[in-house]
Amino acid sequence: MGRDDTASGNDLARTNGVSRRDFLKLSAGATLLGAGGSALAACGSSTTGTTTTTGTLPPAKIPRGGTLTAALSGGDPSDTVDGQQGVDNVDFARIVSLYDALAIWDINARPVMALAESIEPNSTNTKWTIKLRPGIEFHNGKTLTARDVIYSYQRVQSNNLGGASSIALCDMKNATAPDDLTVIIPCTSPFATFVSSIIGYYYYLSIIPEGFSPVTKANPKITHAIGTGPFKFESFTPGRISTFSKNPNYWQSGLPYVDSLVINDYVGTDAEVSQVNALISGEADCANLLSIGSIKTVESGGGTIVIAKSAGFTPITMRIDTAPFSDVRLRQALRLCVDREEMLKVVFGGYGRIGNDIFAPLDPEYDTSIPQRVQDLDTAKGLLKAADLSNITVTMQTSDIAQGTLEMATVLKEQASLIGVNIALDVVPTLYTTEYLSWTFAEDYWYYSDYLPQVSEATLFNSPFNETHFASNASTAETLKRPNNPLPPNGIGEKYLNYYNQAVATSNKSVQTELAHEMQLIDYNYGGYIIPYFPPVIDGHSKSVGGVVPSLTGLSLGNYGFHKMYKLK
């Protein structure tokens, strides 16, 4: 199925005879289903939401020197300092300290250039020209050139690393460097969302020197890293401690402010208690991903709390290709059993924003017209009865991988019991084991990305982190064969992929938005995520530290902006 940019709005809005207008008129949450079972213009984007800030000193008055110690949770003994292979929170904290990307999110989830001065397409979006900033040095003294960019992206593609899906349409084998500061990347098909795609998960697309292979999980004895970031690698013990020193030749003038950075990992169910104790005792200067219960403890201990109303998300994940979640009625019943406001109140005291089982709420292409799903126990019970799944017991893996994940699982268990679903919670040390992407029913944690880049990472059949196995293979169509579905029983995954391919190819923003809305409607009806809310990011720091700011992206401590923090003397 294909559609060009001149397709009419009415044609584009239709899905097998049921238009979005019809759906929105008839639907209230999952009623219709129950009956039967971005490109960035000139690198700009808009955001919504607010943050709580602590303020910073004017640059001329900022003290320099000293060691900044961070108490971070969310890591494990399989951690890495590979700038292209991070998995968990502590990995990404190290990556953004050691490396840079071509372009990144700022703290308001707005795109900004980093190593690139400009990124421009040709008239058909089939070729992108990148101009690099001059005079940037790697930690080993090598000057950054276009060949390093090509090598970095080729490494990601050839090894199918986390950022490979973000640049899947880039023909890196035929990328060229006409001069030291210019990269020309041809594309296998029009790729209008190239910039938003490489920014969406920029911490998977770090630029490394040509020919260098940093530490990998397959080669844990390689304990070194070379990037262009604000800090230089000194030492690394996975799951325990990392030490970095100031990069005196960092390309952002005057940064970093501190001389050294120490990152301590806190792992396990008591990680947050240890983090807070370290912060209060003075052993640590800052801590990430705290829960609502730690606010009073930190403040009474003389610390400061920073809260961001972020758009990262902690989804509940259901594999749609595995029983019993292969029955869409169970997935919808669980979505309908959730009292989202109550869950957010219990877990975060009301901080955060309500979710509607669709990601990317800051994206202008996020479809706010889809009805907000609310708790509907009667409809949920009816779906279960129709599917012969009443009084079912399911096991859910959960772990303290991010703020509130254990508490979310506990609340879900309580709310699911109201419709006769018994959830047995299996608390594991971490979800990021060899079984990650194989869990039938679990949780995860994602930082913010715009909608289409998030799709490329998570919900296409070949996405690297397709934990729900959504639109994954032929069995998808088989599991969706239900009478009176609002979409055809066959080819839903193919339809979703076709919409995606058209969306990333077009420069017509209205057409792209309509296509994204069609995809979100499929997410809403058939997807494997429950997204009850977008959690706040609650960080703590001592009063002897300045420059700690919140971020809308879901990354803690101002996108782990340690280079902009300073020790007050």
Protein backbone atom coordinates (compact mmCIF):
# COMPACT_ATOMS: atom_id res chain seq x y z
CA MET A 1 0.00 0.00 0.00
CA GLY A 2 1.34 3.45 -0.86
CA ARG A 3 0.20 7.02 -0.80
CA ASP A 4 1.82 10.15 -2.20
CA ASP A 5 1.88 13.59 -0.62
CA THR A 6 -1.08 14.74 -2.68
CA ALA A 7 -3.50 12.21 -1.18
CA SER A 8 -6.71 13.77 0.01
CA GLY A 9 -7.28 14.24 3.70
CA ASN A 10 -10.44 12.10 3.59
CA ASP A 11 -8.64 9.21 1.91
CA LEU A 12 -5.70 9.49 4.28
CA ALA A 13 -7.88 9.49 7.36
CA ARG A 14 -9.64 6.25 6.49
CA THR A 15 -8.76 2.84 7.85
CA ASN A 16 -10.68 0.09 6.03
CA GLY A 17 -13.92 2.03 5.84
CA VAL A 18 -13.91 3.32 9.42
CA SER A 19 -12.63 6.86 9.43
CA ARG A 20 -10.92 8.52 12.37
CA ARG A 21 -13.90 10.87 12.57
CA ASP A 22 -16.25 7.87 12.84
CA PHE A 23 -14.02 6.24 15.40
CA LEU A 24 -13.74 9.33 17.56
CA LYS A 25 -17.48 9.88 17.35
CA LEU A 26 -18.32 6.31 18.35
CA SER A 27 -15.47 5.62 20.73
CA ALA A 28 -15.08 6.35 24.39
CA GLY A 29 -11.90 4.65 25.51
CA ALA A 30 -12.16 1.12 24.12
CA THR A 31 -15.90 0.99 23.40
CA LEU A 32 -15.53 0.36 19.66
CA LEU A 33 -12.90 -2.31 20.22
CA GLY A 34 -14.99 -3.88 22.97
CA ALA A 35 -17.82 -4.44 20.54
CA GLY A 36 -15.62 -6.83 18.66
CA GLY A 37 -12.86 -7.66 20.60
CA SER A 38 8.56 13.91 13.31
CA ALA A 39 10.46 15.70 11.07
CA LEU A 40 11.90 18.92 12.54
CA ALA A 41 11.69 22.03 10.43
CA ALA A 42 15.01 23.83 10.68
CA CYS A 43 15.76 21.72 13.75
CA GLY A 44 12.91 23.28 15.69
CA SER A 45 10.25 21.72 17.88
CA SER A 46 7.63 22.78 20.37
CA THR A 47 7.12 21.50 23.88
CA THR A 48 4.57 21.63 26.64
CA GLY A 49 4.83 21.18 30.35
CA THR A 50 6.87 22.88 33.02
CA THR A 51 9.87 22.17 35.19
CA THR A 52 10.82 23.14 38.71
CA THR A 53 14.16 24.92 38.66
CA THR A 54 16.78 25.72 41.28
CA GLY A 55 18.63 28.53 39.56
CA THR A 56 22.30 28.91 38.69
CA LEU A 57 25.00 31.51 39.20
CA PRO A 58 26.07 33.86 36.40
CA PRO A 59 29.03 32.30 34.52
CA ALA A 60 31.49 34.87 35.80
CA LYS A 61 30.73 33.94 39.40
CA ILE A 62 30.75 30.17 39.04
CA PRO A 63 33.56 28.57 41.09
CA ARG A 64 35.76 26.00 39.42
CA GLY A 65 37.51 22.86 40.52
CA GLY A 66 36.76 20.02 42.87
CA THR A 67 35.23 16.59 42.44
CA LEU A 68 31.56 16.00 41.72
CA THR A 69 30.22 12.68 43.02
CA ALA A 70 26.95 11.32 41.67
CA ALA A 71 24.92 8.56 43.33
CA LEU A 72 23.03 6.93 40.46
CA SER A 73 20.62 4.01 40.29
CA GLY A 74 19.40 1.96 37.37
CA GLY A 75 22.65 0.25 36.43
CA ASP A 76 23.91 -3.31 36.81
CA PRO A 77 27.11 -5.36 36.52
CA SER A 78 26.75 -5.56 32.72
CA ASP A 79 27.18 -1.78 32.37
CA THR A 80 29.33 -0.30 29.63
CA VAL A 81 31.19 2.85 28.61
CA ASP A 82 30.67 2.12 24.93
CA GLY A 83 29.17 5.27 23.47
CA GLN A 84 26.95 3.29 21.11
CA GLN A 85 25.83 0.37 23.28
CA GLY A 86 24.23 1.81 26.40
CA VAL A 87 21.17 0.16 27.90
CA ASP A 88 20.40 1.61 31.32
CA ASN A 89 20.39 4.93 33.15
CA VAL A 90 23.95 4.77 34.40
CA ASP A 91 25.25 3.79 30.96
CA PHE A 92 23.71 6.92 29.50
CA ALA A 93 25.05 9.11 32.30
CA ARG A 94 28.55 7.96 31.39
CA ILE A 95 27.96 8.20 27.65
CA VAL A 96 26.84 11.83 27.64
CA SER A 97 29.81 12.71 29.86
CA LEU A 98 32.41 11.03 27.64
CA TYR A 99 30.98 11.52 24.15
CA ASP A 100 29.12 13.95 21.91
CA ALA A 101 26.64 13.40 19.10
CA LEU A 102 25.93 15.45 16.00
CA ALA A 103 22.79 16.96 17.55
CA ILE A 104 21.02 16.47 20.88
CA TRP A 105 17.99 17.39 23.00
CA ASP A 106 18.26 20.37 25.32
CA ILE A 107 16.55 20.27 28.72
CA ASN A 108 13.26 21.45 27.20
CA ALA A 109 13.26 18.57 24.67
CA ARG A 110 14.19 20.99 21.90
CA PRO A 111 16.80 19.95 19.34
CA VAL A 112 20.17 21.71 19.27
CA MET A 113 23.28 21.20 17.20
CA ALA A 114 26.29 19.69 18.97
CA LEU A 115 29.25 18.46 16.88
CA ALA A 116 27.39 19.52 13.75
CA GLU A 117 27.07 23.15 12.73
CA SER A 118 24.31 22.36 10.26
CA ILE A 119 22.42 19.39 8.83
CA GLU A 120 20.62 20.03 5.54
CA PRO A 121 18.72 17.82 3.05
CA ASN A 122 18.57 17.99 -0.71
CA SER A 123 15.24 18.79 -2.35
CA THR A 124 14.03 15.18 -2.26
CA ASN A 125 15.24 14.26 1.26
CA THR A 126 17.39 11.53 -0.27
CA LYS A 127 20.73 13.05 0.69
CA TRP A 128 21.84 14.91 3.81
CA THR A 129 24.86 17.20 4.13
CA ILE A 130 26.42 17.64 7.56
CA LYS A 131 28.86 20.44 8.32
CA LEU A 132 31.01 19.84 11.41
CA ARG A 133 32.32 22.37 13.86
CA PRO A 134 36.04 23.01 13.23
CA GLY A 135 38.81 22.40 15.73
CA ILE A 136 37.16 19.78 17.93
CA GLU A 137 39.55 17.30 19.55
CA PHE A 138 39.06 13.77 20.79
CA HIS A 139 40.47 12.92 24.19
CA ASN A 140 43.55 11.37 22.55
CA GLY A 141 44.36 14.62 20.74
CA LYS A 142 43.02 13.57 17.34
CA THR A 143 41.04 16.25 15.50
CA LEU A 144 37.44 15.35 14.67
CA THR A 145 36.85 14.89 10.95
CA ALA A 146 34.09 13.74 8.66
CA ARG A 147 35.72 10.29 8.47
CA ASP A 148 35.06 9.80 12.19
CA VAL A 149 31.36 10.46 11.69
CA ILE A 150 31.17 7.99 8.82
CA TYR A 151 33.09 5.37 10.81
CA SER A 152 30.83 5.86 13.85
CA TYR A 153 27.61 5.48 11.92
CA GLN A 154 28.98 2.55 9.92
CA ARG A 155 29.90 0.80 13.18
CA VAL A 156 26.35 1.27 14.47
CA GLN A 157 24.83 -0.13 11.27
CA SER A 158 27.24 -3.00 10.67
CA ASN A 159 26.91 -4.25 14.25
CA ASN A 160 23.15 -3.55 14.46
CA LEU A 161 23.63 -1.51 17.62
CA GLY A 162 20.90 0.42 19.43
CA GLY A 163 20.96 3.39 17.07
CA ALA A 164 20.82 1.30 13.89
CA SER A 165 17.07 1.68 13.48
CA SER A 166 17.38 5.46 13.81
CA ILE A 167 19.62 5.55 10.73
CA ALA A 168 18.19 2.53 8.92
CA LEU A 169 17.47 4.58 5.79
CA CYS A 170 21.04 5.94 5.64
CA ASP A 171 23.26 4.33 3.03
CA MET A 172 26.41 4.55 5.12
CA LYS A 173 28.40 2.30 2.78
CA ASN A 174 28.21 5.09 0.21
CA ALA A 175 28.60 8.03 2.58
CA THR A 176 31.39 10.41 1.55
CA ALA A 177 33.63 13.07 3.05
CA PRO A 178 34.43 15.65 0.36
CA ASP A 179 36.50 17.53 2.93
CA ASP A 180 37.42 17.18 6.61
CA LEU A 181 34.34 19.00 7.86
CA THR A 182 31.67 17.79 5.43
CA VAL A 183 29.75 14.51 5.51
CA ILE A 184 27.33 13.57 2.74
CA ILE A 185 24.95 10.74 3.61
CA PRO A 186 22.79 9.29 0.82
CA CYS A 187 19.57 7.53 1.79
CA THR A 188 17.99 4.40 0.37
CA SER A 189 14.64 6.23 0.25
CA PRO A 190 13.43 9.73 1.20
CA PHE A 191 14.26 10.36 4.85
CA ALA A 192 12.63 13.63 5.85
CA THR A 193 12.91 12.84 9.59
CA PHE A 194 16.67 12.31 9.59
CA VAL A 195 17.38 15.08 12.10
CA SER A 196 14.67 14.14 14.57
CA SER A 197 15.69 10.49 14.24
CA ILE A 198 19.33 11.03 15.16
CA ILE A 199 18.33 13.36 18.00
CA GLY A 200 15.64 11.06 19.37
CA TYR A 201 18.23 8.63 20.71
CA TYR A 202 21.42 10.63 20.32
CA TYR A 203 23.12 8.67 23.13
CA TYR A 204 23.16 5.62 20.82
CA LEU A 205 24.92 7.64 18.11
CA SER A 206 28.02 8.95 19.86
CA ILE A 207 30.90 9.92 17.60
CA ILE A 208 34.12 7.98 18.18
CA PRO A 209 37.52 8.17 16.44
CA GLU A 210 37.91 6.24 13.23
CA GLY A 211 39.17 2.73 13.95
CA PHE A 212 38.55 2.82 17.71
CA SER A 213 36.44 0.17 19.45
CA PRO A 214 35.47 1.12 22.99
CA VAL A 215 34.43 -1.31 25.68
CA THR A 216 31.62 -3.67 24.74
CA LYS A 217 29.62 -6.18 26.74
CA ALA A 218 31.15 -8.89 24.58
CA ASN A 219 34.64 -7.63 25.47
CA PRO A 220 34.39 -6.44 29.08
CA LYS A 221 38.16 -6.38 29.57
CA ILE A 222 38.49 -3.43 27.18
CA THR A 223 38.15 -0.73 29.80
CA HIS A 224 38.80 2.47 27.94
CA ALA A 225 36.82 5.06 26.02
CA ILE A 226 37.69 8.00 23.76
CA GLY A 227 35.19 10.66 22.80
CA THR A 228 34.97 14.44 22.47
CA GLY A 229 32.86 14.91 25.61
CA PRO A 230 33.44 17.18 28.61
CA PHE A 231 35.09 14.43 30.67
CA LYS A 232 37.92 12.00 29.91
CA PHE A 233 37.91 8.36 30.91
CA GLU A 234 40.03 7.35 33.92
CA SER A 235 38.59 4.10 35.30
CA PHE A 236 35.47 1.95 35.19
CA THR A 237 34.18 -0.97 37.25
CA PRO A 238 30.80 -2.15 35.88
CA GLY A 239 27.99 -1.93 38.39
CA ARG A 240 30.17 -0.08 40.90
CA ILE A 241 32.13 3.05 40.06
CA SER A 242 33.38 5.22 37.20
CA THR A 243 35.96 8.00 37.47
CA PHE A 244 36.47 10.70 34.85
CA SER A 245 38.64 13.80 34.65
CA LYS A 246 38.01 17.20 33.11
CA ASN A 247 38.62 17.51 29.38
CA PRO A 248 40.78 20.66 29.23
CA ASN A 249 40.23 20.99 25.48
CA TYR A 250 36.46 20.65 25.46
CA TRP A 251 34.88 22.47 22.54
CA GLN A 252 32.29 24.25 24.70
CA SER A 253 34.42 27.04 26.11
CA GLY A 254 34.72 27.19 29.89
CA LEU A 255 33.22 23.76 30.53
CA PRO A 256 33.26 21.61 32.55
CA TYR A 257 33.46 23.51 35.84
CA VAL A 258 34.67 20.64 38.05
CA ASP A 259 38.01 18.87 37.73
CA SER A 260 36.71 15.35 38.10
CA LEU A 261 33.54 13.30 38.11
CA VAL A 262 32.84 10.14 40.09
CA ILE A 263 29.73 8.07 39.31
CA ASN A 264 28.77 5.50 41.92
CA ASP A 265 26.26 2.81 40.92
CA TYR A 266 23.59 1.75 43.39
CA VAL A 267 21.99 -1.55 42.45
CA GLY A 268 19.14 -3.54 43.97
CA THR A 269 15.86 -2.96 45.76
CA ASP A 270 17.54 -0.84 48.45
CA ALA A 271 19.37 1.34 45.94
CA GLU A 272 17.35 4.47 46.65
CA VAL A 273 17.87 4.21 50.40
CA SER A 274 21.61 4.01 49.80
CA GLN A 275 21.48 6.95 47.39
CA VAL A 276 19.64 9.15 49.87
CA ASN A 277 21.96 8.17 52.72
CA ALA A 278 24.98 9.01 50.56
CA LEU A 279 23.48 12.38 49.69
CA ILE A 280 22.62 13.31 53.27
CA SER A 281 25.96 12.15 54.66
CA GLY A 282 27.90 14.19 52.12
CA GLU A 283 29.32 11.11 50.40
CA ALA A 284 27.48 12.15 47.23
CA ASP A 285 26.69 15.54 45.72
CA CYS A 286 23.66 14.52 43.67
CA ALA A 287 21.30 11.56 43.18
CA ASN A 288 18.96 10.54 40.38
CA LEU A 289 15.51 8.98 40.00
CA LEU A 290 14.18 9.40 43.51
CA SER A 291 10.64 8.52 44.55
CA ILE A 292 8.07 10.74 46.18
CA GLY A 293 8.90 9.11 49.52
CA SER A 294 12.44 10.47 49.49
CA ILE A 295 11.54 14.15 49.14
CA LYS A 296 11.03 14.88 52.83
CA THR A 297 14.03 12.80 53.82
CA VAL A 298 16.35 14.68 51.48
CA GLU A 299 15.01 18.09 52.43
CA SER A 300 15.07 17.39 56.16
CA GLY A 301 18.65 16.22 55.72
CA GLY A 302 19.64 19.58 54.25
CA GLY A 303 19.42 18.65 50.59
CA THR A 304 17.51 20.14 47.67
CA ILE A 305 14.94 18.42 45.45
CA VAL A 306 14.54 19.18 41.74
CA ILE A 307 11.36 17.97 40.02
CA ALA A 308 10.78 17.84 36.26
CA LYS A 309 7.42 17.18 34.63
CA SER A 310 9.12 15.07 32.03
CA ALA A 311 7.85 13.10 29.05
CA GLY A 312 9.94 9.98 29.52
CA PHE A 313 7.80 6.95 30.26
CA THR A 314 7.76 3.71 32.23
CA PRO A 315 5.48 1.46 30.19
CA ILE A 316 3.93 -1.80 31.25
CA THR A 317 4.85 -4.17 28.43
CA MET A 318 2.72 -7.02 27.07
CA ARG A 319 3.95 -9.37 24.33
CA ILE A 320 1.21 -9.47 21.74
CA ASP A 321 2.59 -12.64 20.14
CA THR A 322 2.44 -14.72 23.32
CA ALA A 323 -0.59 -16.10 25.14
CA PRO A 324 -2.54 -14.86 26.96
CA PHE A 325 -1.58 -11.35 25.80
CA SER A 326 -1.96 -12.39 22.18
CA ASP A 327 -5.67 -11.81 22.79
CA VAL A 328 -6.19 -8.09 22.29
CA ARG A 329 -9.17 -8.19 24.66
CA LEU A 330 -6.91 -8.98 27.61
CA ARG A 331 -4.63 -6.09 26.71
CA GLN A 332 -7.56 -3.71 26.49
CA ALA A 333 -9.10 -5.03 29.71
CA LEU A 334 -5.90 -4.31 31.60
CA ARG A 335 -5.73 -0.83 30.12
CA LEU A 336 -9.31 -0.22 31.23
CA CYS A 337 -8.78 -1.47 34.76
CA VAL A 338 -6.23 1.25 35.45
CA ASP A 339 -7.28 4.30 37.43
CA ARG A 340 -4.54 6.52 36.06
CA GLU A 341 -5.03 9.49 38.34
CA GLU A 342 -5.09 7.26 41.40
CA MET A 343 -1.96 5.43 40.27
CA LEU A 344 -0.10 8.69 39.68
CA LYS A 345 -1.25 9.99 43.07
CA VAL A 346 -0.14 6.85 44.91
CA VAL A 347 3.22 6.52 43.18
CA PHE A 348 4.20 10.17 42.75
CA GLY A 349 1.83 12.24 44.84
CA GLY A 350 0.19 13.57 41.69
CA TYR A 351 3.42 14.86 40.11
CA GLY A 352 3.74 13.95 36.43
CA ARG A 353 1.21 13.80 33.60
CA ILE A 354 -1.56 11.34 32.74
CA GLY A 355 -0.89 8.95 29.85
CA ASN A 356 -3.17 7.47 27.21
CA ASP A 357 -1.14 4.40 26.17
CA ILE A 358 0.59 6.39 23.42
CA PHE A 359 4.11 7.80 23.75
CA ALA A 360 5.67 11.18 22.80
CA PRO A 361 3.25 13.67 24.42
CA LEU A 362 5.49 16.67 23.62
CA ASP A 363 5.51 15.98 19.90
CA PRO A 364 3.27 18.32 17.87
CA GLU A 365 2.19 15.13 16.06
CA TYR A 366 0.82 13.58 19.27
CA ASP A 367 -2.89 12.99 18.72
CA THR A 368 -4.79 14.71 21.53
CA SER A 369 -8.13 13.96 19.83
CA ILE A 370 -8.02 10.27 20.74
CA PRO A 371 -10.33 9.89 23.77
CA GLN A 372 -8.58 9.75 27.11
CA ARG A 373 -8.84 6.21 28.41
CA VAL A 374 -10.31 6.04 31.91
CA GLN A 375 -11.09 3.21 34.30
CA ASP A 376 -14.09 1.19 33.10
CA LEU A 377 -14.33 -2.00 35.14
CA ASP A 378 -17.59 -3.23 33.58
CA THR A 379 -16.26 -3.04 30.02
CA ALA A 380 -13.01 -4.66 31.13
CA LYS A 381 -14.86 -7.56 32.74
CA GLY A 382 -16.97 -7.95 29.60
CA LEU A 383 -13.88 -8.19 27.42
CA LEU A 384 -12.39 -10.85 29.66
CA LYS A 385 -15.62 -12.85 29.70
CA ALA A 386 -15.88 -12.71 25.90
CA ALA A 387 -12.29 -13.93 25.64
CA ASP A 388 -12.88 -16.68 28.22
CA LEU A 389 -10.11 -15.16 30.35
CA SER A 390 -12.05 -14.34 33.52
CA ASN A 391 -10.20 -15.05 36.77
CA ILE A 392 -6.88 -15.43 34.98
CA THR A 393 -3.49 -15.41 36.74
CA VAL A 394 -0.46 -13.86 35.01
CA THR A 395 3.12 -13.30 36.15
CA MET A 396 4.70 -9.88 35.77
CA GLN A 397 8.42 -9.24 36.04
CA THR A 398 9.27 -5.97 37.76
CA SER A 399 12.43 -4.33 39.02
CA ASP A 400 13.70 -1.07 40.43
CA ILE A 401 14.98 0.05 37.02
CA ALA A 402 13.54 3.55 37.26
CA GLN A 403 11.52 5.82 39.47
CA GLY A 404 8.29 4.26 40.67
CA THR A 405 8.44 1.01 38.69
CA LEU A 406 8.04 -1.27 41.71
CA GLU A 407 5.25 0.89 43.10
CA MET A 408 3.51 1.03 39.70
CA ALA A 409 3.51 -2.75 39.52
CA THR A 410 2.01 -2.99 43.01
CA VAL A 411 -0.79 -0.56 42.19
CA LEU A 412 -1.50 -2.35 38.90
CA LYS A 413 -1.80 -5.64 40.79
CA GLU A 414 -4.38 -4.08 43.11
CA GLN A 415 -6.38 -2.45 40.31
CA ALA A 416 -6.30 -5.57 38.11
CA SER A 417 -7.78 -7.60 40.96
CA LEU A 418 -10.96 -5.50 40.56
CA ILE A 419 -11.62 -7.23 37.22
CA GLY A 420 -10.59 -10.70 38.37
CA VAL A 421 -7.03 -10.66 37.00
CA ASN A 422 -4.50 -11.92 39.52
CA ILE A 423 -1.00 -10.55 38.86
CA ALA A 424 1.84 -12.46 40.51
CA LEU A 425 4.75 -10.04 40.84
CA ASP A 426 8.21 -11.44 40.20
CA VAL A 427 10.72 -8.90 41.51
CA VAL A 428 14.03 -9.46 39.72
CA PRO A 429 17.36 -7.63 40.25
CA THR A 430 17.09 -6.02 36.82
CA LEU A 431 14.97 -6.43 33.72
CA TYR A 432 17.97 -5.83 31.46
CA THR A 433 19.25 -9.38 31.39
CA THR A 434 19.52 -11.81 28.49
CA GLU A 435 15.75 -12.18 28.87
CA TYR A 436 15.14 -8.52 28.11
CA LEU A 437 12.89 -8.37 25.04
CA SER A 438 11.61 -11.84 25.93
CA TRP A 439 9.54 -11.02 29.02
CA THR A 440 5.86 -11.74 28.42
CA PHE A 441 4.62 -9.15 30.92
CA ALA A 442 7.00 -6.63 32.43
CA GLU A 443 8.05 -2.96 32.59
CA ASP A 444 10.62 -0.71 30.96
CA TYR A 445 11.95 2.84 31.05
CA TRP A 446 12.33 5.17 28.08
CA TYR A 447 13.60 8.72 27.80
CA TYR A 448 11.64 11.14 25.65
CA SER A 449 11.70 10.98 21.88
CA ASP A 450 9.34 12.38 19.28
CA TYR A 451 6.81 9.87 18.02
CA LEU A 452 8.30 8.58 14.77
CA PRO A 453 11.85 8.11 16.13
CA GLN A 454 10.36 6.24 19.10
CA VAL A 455 8.47 3.98 16.70
CA SER A 456 11.72 3.14 14.91
CA GLU A 457 13.25 2.01 18.19
CA ALA A 458 10.31 0.17 19.75
CA THR A 459 7.31 -0.81 17.65
CA LEU A 460 8.39 -1.85 14.16
CA PHE A 461 8.97 -5.53 13.39
CA ASN A 462 12.73 -4.89 13.16
CA SER A 463 13.05 -2.33 15.97
CA PRO A 464 15.99 -3.14 18.26
CA PHE A 465 13.93 -2.79 21.44
CA ASN A 466 10.57 -4.21 20.34
CA GLU A 467 9.71 -5.53 23.79
CA THR A 468 5.99 -5.96 23.00
CA HIS A 469 6.76 -7.74 19.70
CA PHE A 470 4.21 -5.40 18.15
CA ALA A 471 3.72 -5.75 14.38
CA SER A 472 6.49 -8.28 14.55
CA ASN A 473 5.59 -11.16 12.24
CA ALA A 474 2.82 -13.08 10.50
CA SER A 475 1.48 -14.31 13.82
CA THR A 476 0.46 -10.76 14.60
CA ALA A 477 -2.29 -10.92 12.00
CA GLU A 478 -3.45 -14.29 13.30
CA THR A 479 -3.80 -13.02 16.87
CA LEU A 480 -5.86 -10.07 15.69
CA LYS A 481 -8.53 -12.07 13.84
CA ARG A 482 -11.59 -10.95 15.75
CA PRO A 483 -15.10 -10.21 14.38
CA ASN A 484 -15.94 -6.56 13.76
CA ASN A 485 -12.47 -5.20 14.41
CA PRO A 486 -12.26 -1.55 13.29
CA LEU A 487 -9.21 -2.53 11.21
CA PRO A 488 -8.93 -5.48 8.82
CA PRO A 489 -7.91 -8.74 10.52
CA ASN A 490 -4.99 -9.24 8.18
CA GLY A 491 -2.08 -6.91 7.64
CA ILE A 492 -2.29 -4.59 10.64
CA GLY A 493 1.45 -4.80 11.13
CA GLU A 494 2.01 -4.16 7.44
CA LYS A 495 -0.38 -1.22 7.52
CA TYR A 496 1.48 0.26 10.49
CA LEU A 497 4.81 -0.15 8.69
CA ASN A 498 3.45 1.39 5.50
CA TYR A 499 2.19 4.40 7.41
CA TYR A 500 5.60 4.75 9.03
CA ASN A 501 7.50 4.51 5.75
CA GLN A 502 5.28 7.17 4.20
CA ALA A 503 5.58 9.41 7.25
CA VAL A 504 9.38 9.45 7.39
CA ALA A 505 9.57 10.08 3.64
CA THR A 506 7.30 13.11 3.32
CA SER A 507 8.17 16.74 3.94
CA ASN A 508 4.49 17.63 4.00
CA LYS A 509 3.91 18.14 7.72
CA SER A 510 0.13 17.87 7.54
CA VAL A 511 0.36 14.55 5.69
CA GLN A 512 3.02 13.33 8.10
CA THR A 513 0.85 14.26 11.06
CA GLU A 514 -2.15 12.43 9.64
CA LEU A 515 -0.06 9.33 9.08
CA ALA A 516 1.32 9.53 12.62
CA HIS A 517 -2.22 9.86 13.94
CA GLU A 518 -3.27 6.72 12.08
CA MET A 519 -0.35 4.88 13.67
CA GLN A 520 -1.26 6.15 17.12
CA LEU A 521 -4.80 4.90 16.67
CA ILE A 522 -3.36 1.46 15.97
CA ASP A 523 -1.14 1.77 19.05
CA TYR A 524 -4.20 2.72 21.08
CA ASN A 525 -6.30 -0.21 19.86
CA TYR A 526 -3.80 -3.00 19.31
CA GLY A 527 -0.46 -2.11 20.88
CA GLY A 528 1.28 -3.90 23.72
CA TYR A 529 1.97 -0.91 25.98
CA ILE A 530 0.07 0.34 28.98
CA ILE A 531 1.26 3.91 29.59
CA PRO A 532 -0.74 5.08 32.62
CA TYR A 533 1.32 8.20 33.13
CA PHE A 534 4.54 9.99 32.28
CA PRO A 535 6.44 10.02 35.58
CA PRO A 536 8.16 13.07 36.98
CA VAL A 537 11.92 13.00 37.34
CA ILE A 538 12.82 13.69 40.96
CA ASP A 539 16.49 14.36 41.63
CA GLY A 540 18.30 15.48 44.74
CA HIS A 541 21.48 17.42 45.37
CA SER A 542 23.34 18.95 48.24
CA LYS A 543 23.30 22.67 48.85
CA SER A 544 27.03 22.71 48.14
CA VAL A 545 26.33 22.03 44.46
CA GLY A 546 24.97 24.44 41.86
CA GLY A 547 23.88 24.17 38.27
CA VAL A 548 21.46 21.29 38.80
CA VAL A 549 18.48 21.80 36.51
CA PRO A 550 15.51 19.61 35.52
CA SER A 551 14.81 18.28 32.05
CA LEU A 552 11.66 17.38 30.14
CA THR A 553 13.44 14.52 28.37
CA GLY A 554 13.33 12.05 31.25
CA LEU A 555 17.10 12.08 31.66
CA SER A 556 17.95 12.99 35.24
CA LEU A 557 20.02 15.91 36.49
CA GLY A 558 19.58 18.15 33.46
CA ASN A 559 20.25 15.41 30.88
CA TYR A 560 23.11 14.29 33.13
CA GLY A 561 24.67 17.69 32.61
CA PHE A 562 27.52 17.14 35.07
CA HIS A 563 29.75 19.47 33.02
CA LYS A 564 27.46 22.37 33.91
CA MET A 565 27.39 21.61 37.65
CA TYR A 566 29.80 23.19 40.10
CA LYS A 567 30.91 22.90 43.70
CA LEU A 568 30.14 25.87 45.92
CA LYS A 569 33.07 26.70 48.21
